[in-house]
Amino acid sequence: IPGGVNSPVRAFSAVGGTPRFITSAKGCWLTDAD
């Protein structure tokens, strides 16, 4: 996938670091792959 994402802001280009890959969410909580 170009840049690893399908919408540019998800790549964290503006802030740096590793984009979190989210695997589930419930209520106001996100859980990432780790």
ModelCIF file with pLDDT and N, C-alpha, C, O atoms, coordinates in Angstrom:
data_MODEL
#
_entry.id   MODEL 
#
_entity.id                         1 
_entity.type                       polymer 
_entity.pdbx_number_of_molecules   1 
#
_entity_poly.entity_id                      1 
_entity_poly.type                           'polypeptide(L)' 
_entity_poly.nstd_linkage                   no 
_entity_poly.nstd_monomer                   no 
_entity_poly.pdbx_seq_one_letter_code       IPGGVNSPVRAFSAVGGTPRFITSAKGCWLTDAD 
_entity_poly.pdbx_seq_one_letter_code_can   IPGGVNSPVRAFSAVGGTPRFITSAKGCWLTDAD 
_entity_poly.pdbx_strand_id                 A 
#
loop_
_entity_poly_seq.entity_id 
_entity_poly_seq.num 
_entity_poly_seq.mon_id 
_entity_poly_seq.hetero 
1 1  ILE n 
1 2  PRO n 
1 3  GLY n 
1 4  GLY n 
1 5  VAL n 
1 6  ASN n 
1 7  SER n 
1 8  PRO n 
1 9  VAL n 
1 10 ARG n 
1 11 ALA n 
1 12 PHE n 
1 13 SER n 
1 14 ALA n 
1 15 VAL n 
1 16 GLY n 
1 17 GLY n 
1 18 THR n 
1 19 PRO n 
1 20 ARG n 
1 21 PHE n 
1 22 ILE n 
1 23 THR n 
1 24 SER n 
1 25 ALA n 
1 26 LYS n 
1 27 GLY n 
1 28 CYS n 
1 29 TRP n 
1 30 LEU n 
1 31 THR n 
1 32 ASP n 
1 33 ALA n 
1 34 ASP n 
#
_struct_asym.id          A 
_struct_asym.entity_id   1 
#
loop_
_ma_qa_metric.id 
_ma_qa_metric.mode 
_ma_qa_metric.name 
_ma_qa_metric.software_group_id 
_ma_qa_metric.type 
1 global pLDDT . pLDDT 
2 local  pLDDT . pLDDT 
#
_ma_qa_metric_global.metric_id      1 
_ma_qa_metric_global.metric_value   94.91 
_ma_qa_metric_global.model_id       1 
_ma_qa_metric_global.ordinal_id     1 
#
loop_
_ma_qa_metric_local.label_asym_id 
_ma_qa_metric_local.label_comp_id 
_ma_qa_metric_local.label_seq_id 
_ma_qa_metric_local.metric_id 
_ma_qa_metric_local.metric_value 
_ma_qa_metric_local.model_id 
_ma_qa_metric_local.ordinal_id 
A ILE 1  2 96.00 1 1  
A PRO 2  2 94.00 1 2  
A GLY 3  2 93.00 1 3  
A GLY 4  2 95.00 1 4  
A VAL 5  2 94.00 1 5  
A ASN 6  2 92.00 1 6  
A SER 7  2 90.00 1 7  
A PRO 8  2 88.00 1 8  
A VAL 9  2 90.00 1 9  
A ARG 10 2 92.00 1 10 
A ALA 11 2 92.00 1 11 
A PHE 12 2 94.00 1 12 
A SER 13 2 90.00 1 13 
A ALA 14 2 90.00 1 14 
A VAL 15 2 94.00 1 15 
A GLY 16 2 93.00 1 16 
A GLY 17 2 94.00 1 17 
A THR 18 2 95.00 1 18 
A PRO 19 2 96.00 1 19 
A ARG 20 2 97.00 1 20 
A PHE 21 2 97.00 1 21 
A ILE 22 2 98.00 1 22 
A THR 23 2 98.00 1 23 
A SER 24 2 98.00 1 24 
A ALA 25 2 98.00 1 25 
A LYS 26 2 98.00 1 26 
A GLY 27 2 98.00 1 27 
A CYS 28 2 98.00 1 28 
A TRP 29 2 98.00 1 29 
A LEU 30 2 98.00 1 30 
A THR 31 2 98.00 1 31 
A ASP 32 2 97.00 1 32 
A ALA 33 2 97.00 1 33 
A ASP 34 2 97.00 1 34 
#
loop_
_atom_site.group_PDB 
_atom_site.id 
_atom_site.type_symbol 
_atom_site.label_atom_id 
_atom_site.label_alt_id 
_atom_site.label_comp_id 
_atom_site.label_asym_id 
_atom_site.label_entity_id 
_atom_site.label_seq_id 
_atom_site.pdbx_PDB_ins_code 
_atom_site.Cartn_x 
_atom_site.Cartn_y 
_atom_site.Cartn_z 
_atom_site.occupancy 
_atom_site.B_iso_or_equiv 
_atom_site.pdbx_formal_charge 
_atom_site.auth_seq_id 
_atom_site.auth_comp_id 
_atom_site.auth_asym_id 
_atom_site.auth_atom_id 
_atom_site.pdbx_PDB_model_num 
ATOM 1   N N  . ILE A 1 1  ? 0.859   -1.177 0.000  1.00 96.00 ? 1  ILE A N  1 
ATOM 2   C CA . ILE A 1 1  ? 0.000   0.000  0.000  1.00 96.00 ? 1  ILE A CA 1 
ATOM 3   C C  . ILE A 1 1  ? 0.896   1.229  0.000  1.00 96.00 ? 1  ILE A C  1 
ATOM 4   O O  . ILE A 1 1  ? 1.797   1.301  0.836  1.00 96.00 ? 1  ILE A O  1 
ATOM 5   N N  . PRO A 1 2  ? 0.703   2.197  -0.886 1.00 94.00 ? 2  PRO A N  1 
ATOM 6   C CA . PRO A 1 2  ? 1.562   3.386  -0.890 1.00 94.00 ? 2  PRO A CA 1 
ATOM 7   C C  . PRO A 1 2  ? 1.594   4.079  0.469  1.00 94.00 ? 2  PRO A C  1 
ATOM 8   O O  . PRO A 1 2  ? 0.568   4.531  0.977  1.00 94.00 ? 2  PRO A O  1 
ATOM 9   N N  . GLY A 1 3  ? 2.788   4.152  1.046  1.00 93.00 ? 3  GLY A N  1 
ATOM 10  C CA . GLY A 1 3  ? 2.938   4.763  2.359  1.00 93.00 ? 3  GLY A CA 1 
ATOM 11  C C  . GLY A 1 3  ? 2.412   3.931  3.503  1.00 93.00 ? 3  GLY A C  1 
ATOM 12  O O  . GLY A 1 3  ? 2.470   4.351  4.658  1.00 93.00 ? 3  GLY A O  1 
ATOM 13  N N  . GLY A 1 4  ? 1.893   2.745  3.193  1.00 95.00 ? 4  GLY A N  1 
ATOM 14  C CA . GLY A 1 4  ? 1.417   1.844  4.229  1.00 95.00 ? 4  GLY A CA 1 
ATOM 15  C C  . GLY A 1 4  ? 0.025   2.137  4.752  1.00 95.00 ? 4  GLY A C  1 
ATOM 16  O O  . GLY A 1 4  ? -0.457  1.450  5.653  1.00 95.00 ? 4  GLY A O  1 
ATOM 17  N N  . VAL A 1 5  ? -0.629  3.153  4.196  1.00 94.00 ? 5  VAL A N  1 
ATOM 18  C CA . VAL A 1 5  ? -1.945  3.558  4.691  1.00 94.00 ? 5  VAL A CA 1 
ATOM 19  C C  . VAL A 1 5  ? -2.856  3.891  3.523  1.00 94.00 ? 5  VAL A C  1 
ATOM 20  O O  . VAL A 1 5  ? -2.394  4.111  2.403  1.00 94.00 ? 5  VAL A O  1 
ATOM 21  N N  . ASN A 1 6  ? -4.159  3.927  3.793  1.00 92.00 ? 6  ASN A N  1 
ATOM 22  C CA . ASN A 1 6  ? -5.129  4.246  2.766  1.00 92.00 ? 6  ASN A CA 1 
ATOM 23  C C  . ASN A 1 6  ? -5.778  5.612  2.945  1.00 92.00 ? 6  ASN A C  1 
ATOM 24  O O  . ASN A 1 6  ? -6.732  5.947  2.244  1.00 92.00 ? 6  ASN A O  1 
ATOM 25  N N  . SER A 1 7  ? -5.265  6.390  3.874  1.00 90.00 ? 7  SER A N  1 
ATOM 26  C CA . SER A 1 7  ? -5.583  7.808  4.008  1.00 90.00 ? 7  SER A CA 1 
ATOM 27  C C  . SER A 1 7  ? -4.363  8.434  4.669  1.00 90.00 ? 7  SER A C  1 
ATOM 28  O O  . SER A 1 7  ? -3.962  7.983  5.742  1.00 90.00 ? 7  SER A O  1 
ATOM 29  N N  . PRO A 1 8  ? -3.755  9.459  4.067  1.00 88.00 ? 8  PRO A N  1 
ATOM 30  C CA . PRO A 1 8  ? -2.401  9.871  4.447  1.00 88.00 ? 8  PRO A CA 1 
ATOM 31  C C  . PRO A 1 8  ? -2.179  10.198 5.920  1.00 88.00 ? 8  PRO A C  1 
ATOM 32  O O  . PRO A 1 8  ? -1.114  9.886  6.452  1.00 88.00 ? 8  PRO A O  1 
ATOM 33  N N  . VAL A 1 9  ? -3.151  10.820 6.603  1.00 90.00 ? 9  VAL A N  1 
ATOM 34  C CA . VAL A 1 9  ? -2.912  11.237 7.987  1.00 90.00 ? 9  VAL A CA 1 
ATOM 35  C C  . VAL A 1 9  ? -2.614  10.042 8.900  1.00 90.00 ? 9  VAL A C  1 
ATOM 36  O O  . VAL A 1 9  ? -1.985  10.205 9.946  1.00 90.00 ? 9  VAL A O  1 
ATOM 37  N N  . ARG A 1 10 ? -3.055  8.857  8.514  1.00 92.00 ? 10 ARG A N  1 
ATOM 38  C CA . ARG A 1 10 ? -2.842  7.672  9.338  1.00 92.00 ? 10 ARG A CA 1 
ATOM 39  C C  . ARG A 1 10 ? -1.375  7.270  9.426  1.00 92.00 ? 10 ARG A C  1 
ATOM 40  O O  . ARG A 1 10 ? -1.000  6.494  10.305 1.00 92.00 ? 10 ARG A O  1 
ATOM 41  N N  . ALA A 1 11 ? -0.545  7.785  8.532  1.00 92.00 ? 11 ALA A N  1 
ATOM 42  C CA . ALA A 1 11 ? 0.857   7.395  8.493  1.00 92.00 ? 11 ALA A CA 1 
ATOM 43  C C  . ALA A 1 11 ? 1.700   8.071  9.566  1.00 92.00 ? 11 ALA A C  1 
ATOM 44  O O  . ALA A 1 11 ? 2.880   7.748  9.707  1.00 92.00 ? 11 ALA A O  1 
ATOM 45  N N  . PHE A 1 12 ? 1.119   9.011  10.335 1.00 94.00 ? 12 PHE A N  1 
ATOM 46  C CA . PHE A 1 12 ? 1.837   9.747  11.380 1.00 94.00 ? 12 PHE A CA 1 
ATOM 47  C C  . PHE A 1 12 ? 2.950   10.618 10.802 1.00 94.00 ? 12 PHE A C  1 
ATOM 48  O O  . PHE A 1 12 ? 3.912   10.934 11.502 1.00 94.00 ? 12 PHE A O  1 
ATOM 49  N N  . SER A 1 13 ? 2.832   11.005 9.546  1.00 90.00 ? 13 SER A N  1 
ATOM 50  C CA . SER A 1 13 ? 3.890   11.802 8.926  1.00 90.00 ? 13 SER A CA 1 
ATOM 51  C C  . SER A 1 13 ? 4.089   13.137 9.631  1.00 90.00 ? 13 SER A C  1 
ATOM 52  O O  . SER A 1 13 ? 5.214   13.630 9.711  1.00 90.00 ? 13 SER A O  1 
ATOM 53  N N  . ALA A 1 14 ? 3.023   13.721 10.139 1.00 90.00 ? 14 ALA A N  1 
ATOM 54  C CA . ALA A 1 14 ? 3.108   15.034 10.773 1.00 90.00 ? 14 ALA A CA 1 
ATOM 55  C C  . ALA A 1 14 ? 3.681   14.984 12.177 1.00 90.00 ? 14 ALA A C  1 
ATOM 56  O O  . ALA A 1 14 ? 4.125   16.004 12.703 1.00 90.00 ? 14 ALA A O  1 
ATOM 57  N N  . VAL A 1 15 ? 3.677   13.799 12.795 1.00 94.00 ? 15 VAL A N  1 
ATOM 58  C CA . VAL A 1 15 ? 4.120   13.681 14.182 1.00 94.00 ? 15 VAL A CA 1 
ATOM 59  C C  . VAL A 1 15 ? 5.277   12.706 14.351 1.00 94.00 ? 15 VAL A C  1 
ATOM 60  O O  . VAL A 1 15 ? 5.937   12.714 15.390 1.00 94.00 ? 15 VAL A O  1 
ATOM 61  N N  . GLY A 1 16 ? 5.537   11.864 13.350 1.00 93.00 ? 16 GLY A N  1 
ATOM 62  C CA . GLY A 1 16 ? 6.587   10.869 13.456 1.00 93.00 ? 16 GLY A CA 1 
ATOM 63  C C  . GLY A 1 16 ? 6.171   9.674  14.314 1.00 93.00 ? 16 GLY A C  1 
ATOM 64  O O  . GLY A 1 16 ? 5.123   9.691  14.960 1.00 93.00 ? 16 GLY A O  1 
ATOM 65  N N  . GLY A 1 17 ? 7.004   8.648  14.308 1.00 94.00 ? 17 GLY A N  1 
ATOM 66  C CA . GLY A 1 17 ? 6.732   7.475  15.118 1.00 94.00 ? 17 GLY A CA 1 
ATOM 67  C C  . GLY A 1 17 ? 5.961   6.406  14.365 1.00 94.00 ? 17 GLY A C  1 
ATOM 68  O O  . GLY A 1 17 ? 5.721   6.517  13.163 1.00 94.00 ? 17 GLY A O  1 
ATOM 69  N N  . THR A 1 18 ? 5.582   5.382  15.085 1.00 95.00 ? 18 THR A N  1 
ATOM 70  C CA . THR A 1 18 ? 4.932   4.206  14.514 1.00 95.00 ? 18 THR A CA 1 
ATOM 71  C C  . THR A 1 18 ? 3.421   4.347  14.537 1.00 95.00 ? 18 THR A C  1 
ATOM 72  O O  . THR A 1 18 ? 2.840   4.486  15.613 1.00 95.00 ? 18 THR A O  1 
ATOM 73  N N  . PRO A 1 19 ? 2.762   4.315  13.373 1.00 96.00 ? 19 PRO A N  1 
ATOM 74  C CA . PRO A 1 19 ? 1.304   4.303  13.390 1.00 96.00 ? 19 PRO A CA 1 
ATOM 75  C C  . PRO A 1 19 ? 0.796   3.064  14.124 1.00 96.00 ? 19 PRO A C  1 
ATOM 76  O O  . PRO A 1 19 ? 1.318   1.964  13.946 1.00 96.00 ? 19 PRO A O  1 
ATOM 77  N N  . ARG A 1 20 ? -0.220  3.260  14.942 1.00 97.00 ? 20 ARG A N  1 
ATOM 78  C CA . ARG A 1 20 ? -0.790  2.141  15.664 1.00 97.00 ? 20 ARG A CA 1 
ATOM 79  C C  . ARG A 1 20 ? -1.804  1.427  14.786 1.00 97.00 ? 20 ARG A C  1 
ATOM 80  O O  . ARG A 1 20 ? -2.700  2.056  14.223 1.00 97.00 ? 20 ARG A O  1 
ATOM 81  N N  . PHE A 1 21 ? -1.664  0.124  14.670 1.00 97.00 ? 21 PHE A N  1 
ATOM 82  C CA . PHE A 1 21 ? -2.609  -0.692 13.928 1.00 97.00 ? 21 PHE A CA 1 
ATOM 83  C C  . PHE A 1 21 ? -3.672  -1.185 14.899 1.00 97.00 ? 21 PHE A C  1 
ATOM 84  O O  . PHE A 1 21 ? -3.389  -1.987 15.788 1.00 97.00 ? 21 PHE A O  1 
ATOM 85  N N  . ILE A 1 22 ? -4.872  -0.707 14.724 1.00 98.00 ? 22 ILE A N  1 
ATOM 86  C CA . ILE A 1 22 ? -5.962  -0.990 15.651 1.00 98.00 ? 22 ILE A CA 1 
ATOM 87  C C  . ILE A 1 22 ? -6.653  -2.287 15.249 1.00 98.00 ? 22 ILE A C  1 
ATOM 88  O O  . ILE A 1 22 ? -6.966  -2.502 14.078 1.00 98.00 ? 22 ILE A O  1 
ATOM 89  N N  . THR A 1 23 ? -6.883  -3.136 16.224 1.00 98.00 ? 23 THR A N  1 
ATOM 90  C CA . THR A 1 23 ? -7.515  -4.423 15.954 1.00 98.00 ? 23 THR A CA 1 
ATOM 91  C C  . THR A 1 23 ? -8.915  -4.538 16.543 1.00 98.00 ? 23 THR A C  1 
ATOM 92  O O  . THR A 1 23 ? -9.693  -5.387 16.109 1.00 98.00 ? 23 THR A O  1 
ATOM 93  N N  . SER A 1 24 ? -9.251  -3.701 17.522 1.00 98.00 ? 24 SER A N  1 
ATOM 94  C CA . SER A 1 24 ? -10.594 -3.723 18.072 1.00 98.00 ? 24 SER A CA 1 
ATOM 95  C C  . SER A 1 24 ? -10.872 -2.426 18.814 1.00 98.00 ? 24 SER A C  1 
ATOM 96  O O  . SER A 1 24 ? -9.951  -1.696 19.181 1.00 98.00 ? 24 SER A O  1 
ATOM 97  N N  . ALA A 1 25 ? -12.146 -2.152 19.029 1.00 98.00 ? 25 ALA A N  1 
ATOM 98  C CA . ALA A 1 25 ? -12.551 -0.966 19.773 1.00 98.00 ? 25 ALA A CA 1 
ATOM 99  C C  . ALA A 1 25 ? -13.888 -1.247 20.447 1.00 98.00 ? 25 ALA A C  1 
ATOM 100 O O  . ALA A 1 25 ? -14.735 -1.962 19.911 1.00 98.00 ? 25 ALA A O  1 
ATOM 101 N N  . LYS A 1 26 ? -14.059 -0.675 21.620 1.00 98.00 ? 26 LYS A N  1 
ATOM 102 C CA . LYS A 1 26 ? -15.298 -0.816 22.366 1.00 98.00 ? 26 LYS A CA 1 
ATOM 103 C C  . LYS A 1 26 ? -15.497 0.440  23.185 1.00 98.00 ? 26 LYS A C  1 
ATOM 104 O O  . LYS A 1 26 ? -14.605 0.850  23.927 1.00 98.00 ? 26 LYS A O  1 
ATOM 105 N N  . GLY A 1 27 ? -16.663 1.056  23.056 1.00 98.00 ? 27 GLY A N  1 
ATOM 106 C CA . GLY A 1 27 ? -16.919 2.287  23.787 1.00 98.00 ? 27 GLY A CA 1 
ATOM 107 C C  . GLY A 1 27 ? -15.951 3.374  23.365 1.00 98.00 ? 27 GLY A C  1 
ATOM 108 O O  . GLY A 1 27 ? -15.874 3.710  22.184 1.00 98.00 ? 27 GLY A O  1 
ATOM 109 N N  . CYS A 1 28 ? -15.209 3.930  24.316 1.00 98.00 ? 28 CYS A N  1 
ATOM 110 C CA . CYS A 1 28 ? -14.238 4.975  23.993 1.00 98.00 ? 28 CYS A CA 1 
ATOM 111 C C  . CYS A 1 28 ? -12.805 4.453  23.983 1.00 98.00 ? 28 CYS A C  1 
ATOM 112 O O  . CYS A 1 28 ? -11.861 5.241  24.028 1.00 98.00 ? 28 CYS A O  1 
ATOM 113 N N  . TRP A 1 29 ? -12.630 3.114  23.923 1.00 98.00 ? 29 TRP A N  1 
ATOM 114 C CA . TRP A 1 29 ? -11.305 2.526  24.000 1.00 98.00 ? 29 TRP A CA 1 
ATOM 115 C C  . TRP A 1 29 ? -10.922 1.843  22.692 1.00 98.00 ? 29 TRP A C  1 
ATOM 116 O O  . TRP A 1 29 ? -11.717 1.113  22.099 1.00 98.00 ? 29 TRP A O  1 
ATOM 117 N N  . LEU A 1 30 ? -9.682  2.097  22.251 1.00 98.00 ? 30 LEU A N  1 
ATOM 118 C CA . LEU A 1 30 ? -9.073  1.415  21.121 1.00 98.00 ? 30 LEU A CA 1 
ATOM 119 C C  . LEU A 1 30 ? -8.045  0.417  21.642 1.00 98.00 ? 30 LEU A C  1 
ATOM 120 O O  . LEU A 1 30 ? -7.381  0.677  22.646 1.00 98.00 ? 30 LEU A O  1 
ATOM 121 N N  . THR A 1 31 ? -7.910  -0.715 20.971 1.00 98.00 ? 31 THR A N  1 
ATOM 122 C CA . THR A 1 31 ? -6.864  -1.684 21.297 1.00 98.00 ? 31 THR A CA 1 
ATOM 123 C C  . THR A 1 31 ? -6.042  -1.942 20.050 1.00 98.00 ? 31 THR A C  1 
ATOM 124 O O  . THR A 1 31 ? -6.601  -2.248 18.996 1.00 98.00 ? 31 THR A O  1 
ATOM 125 N N  . ASP A 1 32 ? -4.707  -1.822 20.148 1.00 97.00 ? 32 ASP A N  1 
ATOM 126 C CA . ASP A 1 32 ? -3.865  -2.033 18.976 1.00 97.00 ? 32 ASP A CA 1 
ATOM 127 C C  . ASP A 1 32 ? -3.365  -3.471 18.914 1.00 97.00 ? 32 ASP A C  1 
ATOM 128 O O  . ASP A 1 32 ? -3.645  -4.288 19.791 1.00 97.00 ? 32 ASP A O  1 
ATOM 129 N N  . ALA A 1 33 ? -2.615  -3.757 17.849 1.00 97.00 ? 33 ALA A N  1 
ATOM 130 C CA . ALA A 1 33 ? -2.171  -5.124 17.593 1.00 97.00 ? 33 ALA A CA 1 
ATOM 131 C C  . ALA A 1 33 ? -1.271  -5.662 18.695 1.00 97.00 ? 33 ALA A C  1 
ATOM 132 O O  . ALA A 1 33 ? -1.179  -6.875 18.887 1.00 97.00 ? 33 ALA A O  1 
ATOM 133 N N  . ASP A 1 34 ? -0.599  -4.756 19.430 1.00 97.00 ? 34 ASP A N  1 
ATOM 134 C CA . ASP A 1 34 ? 0.275   -5.163 20.526 1.00 97.00 ? 34 ASP A CA 1 
ATOM 135 C C  . ASP A 1 34 ? -0.456  -5.300 21.855 1.00 97.00 ? 34 ASP A C  1 
ATOM 136 O O  . ASP A 1 34 ? 0.160   -5.638 22.866 1.00 97.00 ? 34 ASP A O  1 
#
